[in-house]
Amino acid sequence: MGIIETALSIYFILLLIRAVIPDTGQLTFNHPYRFIVKLTGPVVDNLAKIMGRSGRIGAPILGMLLLVILQGMFYAGATTQEARIFDCGLIPWVFSSNVAFWGIGKSLVSYLVLIYRVYALLLFISLVSPLSYSSDQISRLIKAMIRPIERFRQAQGIAPAILVVGFSLLLTAIWKIYQAIGWLGEEGMVPFKAGLDSIALVVRLISFVILLIFARAILSWFNSSSRYGGPLSWLKLFTDPFMRPFRRMNLVIGSFDLTPLAAILALYIILNLSMRILVSLYPQ
């Protein structure tokens, strides 16, 4: 089930990119975007033919909805207790398998969380990385992705707070609706709890950043030049904001650069301390 979820989630993100970025303009020559178009083409093109005139805009969105339904069917068909549990921040949501279509409900909230975490990460990168001065293809793709939240991004410091508060209210509304339908139990969800869950979902992205730093360190062994290319270009974009403070410590010993190790250890400590604090604040 984990492999299926991962594959569907990755394809969902590709369809999200297609939905946000129109297949016109300068990005049609962007190599990463063209690769995404090729991967999603069979689904988007066929759905566009069915939808007619509105297919160019609506086909990626319809594809995303179909993935929600497909994954929901996988959840509903699973026989394990784990399939009914969704880890939404700090406290898991336990779905009732006795009510129809509960799998689609779990699938929908899981993909909403995925969108939230993707944009939280992109928003942070846009705030701390010089995207506006970068001309590489990955930077142009990220700038196109965050255009829907351009107004929030201009707010700088309050942009993350706006995103967290907005998603907290959305989580609260979803919980109330699911509880009324019978998909979830009687335990209530209030904006404060949802806010802590929303923060925890972002904090857990640190694990993903740690993985990227590790991948960058491994790939750098095969590229000793000072200029980055290929995968290292976007790895540098995503990891530089977290490694920059440790660069100032000059942790290079001989031919070994201990900066990635120091960054990984610091992020791991921050992740664990942050989660402990959030758990202690969560109302019982």
Protein backbone atom coordinates (compact mmCIF):
# COMPACT_ATOMS: atom_id res chain seq x y z
CA MET A 1 0.00 0.00 0.00
CA GLY A 2 2.86 2.38 0.76
CA ILE A 3 4.35 2.03 -2.73
CA ILE A 4 0.96 2.68 -4.34
CA GLU A 5 0.37 5.74 -2.16
CA THR A 6 3.81 7.15 -2.99
CA ALA A 7 3.38 6.60 -6.74
CA LEU A 8 -0.09 8.16 -6.78
CA SER A 9 1.10 11.11 -4.66
CA ILE A 10 3.98 11.84 -7.03
CA TYR A 11 1.67 11.68 -10.04
CA PHE A 12 -0.81 13.92 -8.21
CA ILE A 13 1.91 16.56 -7.77
CA LEU A 14 2.73 16.34 -11.49
CA LEU A 15 -0.94 16.89 -12.33
CA LEU A 16 -1.02 19.78 -9.84
CA ILE A 17 1.84 21.41 -11.73
CA ARG A 18 -0.09 20.94 -14.99
CA ALA A 19 -3.18 22.48 -13.37
CA VAL A 20 -1.32 25.53 -12.03
CA ILE A 21 0.99 26.15 -14.99
CA PRO A 22 -0.72 26.44 -18.39
CA ASP A 23 0.85 24.63 -21.32
CA THR A 24 1.62 27.92 -23.05
CA GLY A 25 4.26 30.63 -22.91
CA GLN A 26 7.97 30.41 -22.21
CA LEU A 27 7.68 27.42 -19.89
CA THR A 28 6.82 25.25 -22.90
CA PHE A 29 10.60 25.28 -23.51
CA ASN A 30 11.41 24.46 -19.88
CA HIS A 31 12.98 20.99 -19.81
CA PRO A 32 11.65 19.89 -16.38
CA TYR A 33 8.18 21.10 -17.34
CA ARG A 34 8.32 19.35 -20.70
CA PHE A 35 9.27 16.14 -18.91
CA ILE A 36 6.22 16.55 -16.65
CA VAL A 37 4.04 17.13 -19.71
CA LYS A 38 5.27 13.88 -21.23
CA LEU A 39 4.56 11.91 -18.05
CA THR A 40 1.08 13.33 -17.61
CA GLY A 41 0.25 13.58 -21.32
CA PRO A 42 -1.59 10.24 -21.69
CA VAL A 43 -3.98 11.12 -18.86
CA VAL A 44 -4.41 14.85 -19.53
CA ASP A 45 -4.74 14.55 -23.31
CA ASN A 46 -7.39 11.82 -23.15
CA LEU A 47 -9.38 13.66 -20.49
CA ALA A 48 -9.13 16.87 -22.53
CA LYS A 49 -10.68 15.12 -25.53
CA ILE A 50 -13.60 13.98 -23.38
CA MET A 51 -14.13 17.42 -21.83
CA GLY A 52 -14.01 19.35 -25.09
CA ARG A 53 -13.30 23.09 -25.01
CA SER A 54 -12.70 23.26 -21.28
CA GLY A 55 -10.36 20.28 -21.41
CA ARG A 56 -7.11 22.23 -21.55
CA ILE A 57 -7.79 23.82 -18.16
CA GLY A 58 -9.99 21.21 -16.52
CA ALA A 59 -8.27 17.98 -17.58
CA PRO A 60 -5.45 18.13 -14.96
CA ILE A 61 -7.99 18.96 -12.23
CA LEU A 62 -10.23 16.09 -13.32
CA GLY A 63 -7.17 13.82 -13.32
CA MET A 64 -6.44 14.85 -9.73
CA LEU A 65 -10.02 14.08 -8.71
CA LEU A 66 -9.80 10.67 -10.37
CA LEU A 67 -6.64 9.94 -8.38
CA VAL A 68 -8.50 10.88 -5.19
CA ILE A 69 -11.24 8.39 -6.07
CA LEU A 70 -8.75 5.70 -7.11
CA GLN A 71 -6.77 5.93 -3.90
CA GLY A 72 -10.01 6.03 -1.93
CA MET A 73 -10.99 2.72 -3.52
CA PHE A 74 -7.64 1.24 -2.46
CA TYR A 75 -8.27 2.38 1.11
CA ALA A 76 -11.81 0.99 1.15
CA GLY A 77 -10.63 -2.35 -0.25
CA ALA A 78 -7.86 -2.77 2.32
CA THR A 79 -8.54 -5.11 5.21
CA THR A 80 -5.93 -3.83 7.68
CA GLN A 81 -6.62 -1.51 10.60
CA GLU A 82 -3.84 0.76 9.39
CA ALA A 83 -5.81 1.62 6.23
CA ARG A 84 -8.44 3.40 8.35
CA ILE A 85 -5.90 5.66 10.05
CA PHE A 86 -4.65 8.95 8.60
CA ASP A 87 -1.72 10.66 10.28
CA CYS A 88 -2.76 14.30 10.17
CA GLY A 89 -0.12 16.14 12.14
CA LEU A 90 -0.19 15.10 15.78
CA ILE A 91 -3.34 13.06 16.36
CA PRO A 92 -4.39 10.40 13.83
CA TRP A 93 -7.81 10.51 12.21
CA VAL A 94 -9.48 7.10 12.53
CA PHE A 95 -12.10 6.51 9.85
CA SER A 96 -15.13 4.28 10.31
CA SER A 97 -15.22 1.54 7.69
CA ASN A 98 -18.93 0.97 8.39
CA VAL A 99 -19.90 4.13 6.48
CA ALA A 100 -19.91 4.21 2.67
CA PHE A 101 -17.17 6.02 0.77
CA TRP A 102 -14.98 6.59 3.83
CA GLY A 103 -11.93 5.73 1.72
CA ILE A 104 -12.59 8.67 -0.59
CA GLY A 105 -12.88 10.91 2.46
CA LYS A 106 -9.49 9.81 3.71
CA SER A 107 -7.99 10.13 0.24
CA LEU A 108 -9.35 13.67 -0.18
CA VAL A 109 -7.92 14.99 3.09
CA SER A 110 -4.58 13.26 2.43
CA TYR A 111 -4.22 15.03 -0.91
CA LEU A 112 -5.27 18.37 0.58
CA VAL A 113 -2.50 17.90 3.14
CA LEU A 114 -0.09 17.06 0.31
CA ILE A 115 -0.96 20.31 -1.52
CA TYR A 116 -0.56 22.27 1.71
CA ARG A 117 2.87 20.80 2.42
CA VAL A 118 4.08 21.32 -1.15
CA TYR A 119 3.12 24.98 -1.09
CA ALA A 120 4.49 25.46 2.43
CA LEU A 121 7.87 24.19 1.25
CA LEU A 122 7.80 26.26 -1.96
CA LEU A 123 6.76 29.35 -0.03
CA PHE A 124 9.64 28.95 2.40
CA ILE A 125 12.12 28.45 -0.46
CA SER A 126 10.78 31.53 -2.22
CA LEU A 127 11.28 33.59 0.95
CA VAL A 128 14.82 32.50 1.77
CA SER A 129 16.28 31.71 -1.67
CA PRO A 130 17.05 34.28 -4.37
CA LEU A 131 14.51 32.90 -6.85
CA SER A 132 13.96 36.30 -8.42
CA TYR A 133 17.65 36.44 -9.33
CA SER A 134 17.90 32.83 -10.50
CA SER A 135 17.48 31.96 -14.15
CA ASP A 136 17.87 28.19 -13.99
CA GLN A 137 14.95 26.11 -15.17
CA ILE A 138 14.02 24.73 -11.75
CA SER A 139 13.78 28.25 -10.30
CA ARG A 140 11.54 29.37 -13.16
CA LEU A 141 9.31 26.34 -12.58
CA ILE A 142 9.03 27.09 -8.83
CA LYS A 143 8.24 30.76 -9.51
CA ALA A 144 5.44 29.69 -11.84
CA MET A 145 4.09 27.31 -9.18
CA ILE A 146 3.86 29.95 -6.44
CA ARG A 147 2.07 32.55 -8.57
CA PRO A 148 -1.31 31.62 -7.00
CA ILE A 149 0.05 32.71 -3.61
CA GLU A 150 1.98 35.70 -4.96
CA ARG A 151 0.07 38.14 -2.74
CA PHE A 152 0.92 36.10 0.35
CA ARG A 153 4.55 35.92 -0.69
CA GLN A 154 4.76 39.71 -0.93
CA ALA A 155 3.62 39.86 2.68
CA GLN A 156 6.97 38.22 3.56
CA GLY A 157 6.92 37.52 7.32
CA ILE A 158 3.17 36.96 7.71
CA ALA A 159 2.84 34.73 4.65
CA PRO A 160 3.57 31.48 6.54
CA ALA A 161 1.12 32.49 9.26
CA ILE A 162 -1.60 33.16 6.68
CA LEU A 163 -1.00 29.75 5.12
CA VAL A 164 -1.08 27.92 8.47
CA VAL A 165 -4.18 29.75 9.74
CA GLY A 166 -6.04 29.20 6.47
CA PHE A 167 -5.27 25.50 6.41
CA SER A 168 -6.15 25.16 10.11
CA LEU A 169 -9.62 26.52 9.42
CA LEU A 170 -9.94 24.18 6.43
CA LEU A 171 -8.95 21.17 8.57
CA THR A 172 -11.49 22.15 11.20
CA ALA A 173 -14.25 22.43 8.58
CA ILE A 174 -13.33 19.07 7.04
CA TRP A 175 -13.38 17.38 10.46
CA LYS A 176 -16.83 18.80 11.23
CA ILE A 177 -18.18 17.63 7.86
CA TYR A 178 -16.64 14.17 8.19
CA GLN A 179 -18.00 13.86 11.72
CA ALA A 180 -21.49 14.80 10.52
CA ILE A 181 -21.29 12.19 7.75
CA GLY A 182 -20.11 9.55 10.19
CA TRP A 183 -16.65 9.00 8.74
CA LEU A 184 -14.97 10.16 11.98
CA GLY A 185 -15.74 9.66 15.65
CA GLU A 186 -17.07 12.06 18.24
CA GLU A 187 -13.78 13.62 19.33
CA GLY A 188 -14.01 17.27 18.35
CA MET A 189 -11.62 19.35 16.32
CA VAL A 190 -11.18 23.05 17.11
CA PRO A 191 -9.05 25.64 15.26
CA PHE A 192 -6.35 25.55 17.97
CA LYS A 193 -5.89 21.79 17.59
CA ALA A 194 -5.96 22.10 13.80
CA GLY A 195 -3.38 24.88 14.04
CA LEU A 196 -0.97 22.66 15.96
CA ASP A 197 -1.59 19.86 13.45
CA SER A 198 -0.89 22.26 10.56
CA ILE A 199 2.37 23.40 12.16
CA ALA A 200 3.39 19.79 12.79
CA LEU A 201 2.78 18.90 9.14
CA VAL A 202 5.19 21.66 8.12
CA VAL A 203 7.75 20.80 10.79
CA ARG A 204 7.83 17.21 9.56
CA LEU A 205 9.04 18.51 6.21
CA ILE A 206 12.40 18.80 7.96
CA SER A 207 12.77 15.05 7.42
CA PHE A 208 12.43 15.64 3.68
CA VAL A 209 15.01 18.43 3.80
CA ILE A 210 17.42 16.15 5.68
CA LEU A 211 17.02 13.58 2.91
CA LEU A 212 17.76 16.23 0.28
CA ILE A 213 20.92 17.37 2.11
CA PHE A 214 22.09 13.77 2.32
CA ALA A 215 21.42 13.28 -1.40
CA ARG A 216 23.31 16.49 -2.20
CA ALA A 217 26.31 15.34 -0.18
CA ILE A 218 26.36 11.98 -1.99
CA LEU A 219 26.01 13.52 -5.45
CA SER A 220 28.70 16.10 -4.73
CA TRP A 221 31.24 13.28 -4.47
CA PHE A 222 30.76 12.71 -8.20
CA ASN A 223 30.98 16.38 -9.13
CA SER A 224 33.99 18.22 -7.79
CA SER A 225 33.41 21.37 -9.85
CA SER A 226 32.20 24.53 -8.18
CA ARG A 227 29.26 24.85 -10.53
CA TYR A 228 26.22 22.69 -10.10
CA GLY A 229 24.35 21.06 -12.88
CA GLY A 230 21.58 18.55 -13.30
CA PRO A 231 20.06 17.28 -10.04
CA LEU A 232 22.55 19.25 -7.97
CA SER A 233 21.11 22.54 -9.24
CA TRP A 234 17.70 22.03 -7.62
CA LEU A 235 19.19 20.25 -4.60
CA LYS A 236 21.29 23.34 -3.98
CA LEU A 237 18.23 25.56 -4.32
CA PHE A 238 16.28 23.59 -1.70
CA THR A 239 19.11 22.93 0.76
CA ASP A 240 21.23 26.10 0.68
CA PRO A 241 18.94 28.02 3.08
CA PHE A 242 19.46 25.30 5.69
CA MET A 243 23.20 24.90 5.13
CA ARG A 244 24.09 28.58 4.86
CA PRO A 245 24.46 29.19 8.65
CA PHE A 246 26.91 26.28 8.93
CA ARG A 247 28.98 27.46 5.97
CA ARG A 248 30.04 30.41 8.10
CA MET A 249 31.59 28.02 10.63
CA ASN A 250 34.16 26.84 8.08
CA LEU A 251 33.70 23.14 8.81
CA VAL A 252 35.99 21.99 6.00
CA ILE A 253 38.72 19.66 7.29
CA GLY A 254 41.19 18.79 4.57
CA SER A 255 39.18 17.42 1.67
CA PHE A 256 36.13 16.72 3.85
CA ASP A 257 33.27 19.19 4.18
CA LEU A 258 31.38 18.54 7.41
CA THR A 259 28.77 21.23 6.69
CA PRO A 260 26.10 18.74 5.49
CA LEU A 261 26.62 16.58 8.60
CA ALA A 262 26.32 19.58 10.92
CA ALA A 263 23.16 20.74 9.13
CA ILE A 264 21.59 17.29 9.31
CA LEU A 265 22.32 16.94 13.05
CA ALA A 266 20.96 20.42 13.80
CA LEU A 267 17.81 19.83 11.76
CA TYR A 268 17.26 16.47 13.44
CA ILE A 269 17.47 18.10 16.88
CA ILE A 270 15.12 20.91 15.79
CA LEU A 271 12.65 18.37 14.41
CA ASN A 272 12.54 16.33 17.62
CA LEU A 273 12.36 19.34 19.96
CA SER A 274 9.65 21.00 17.87
CA MET A 275 7.50 17.88 17.79
CA ARG A 276 7.88 17.41 21.56
CA ILE A 277 6.77 21.02 22.16
CA LEU A 278 3.78 20.68 19.84
CA VAL A 279 2.70 17.41 21.48
CA SER A 280 2.93 19.00 24.94
CA LEU A 281 0.72 21.89 23.80
CA TYR A 282 -1.93 19.66 22.22
CA PRO A 283 -5.14 19.63 24.32
CA GLN A 284 -6.20 16.24 25.65
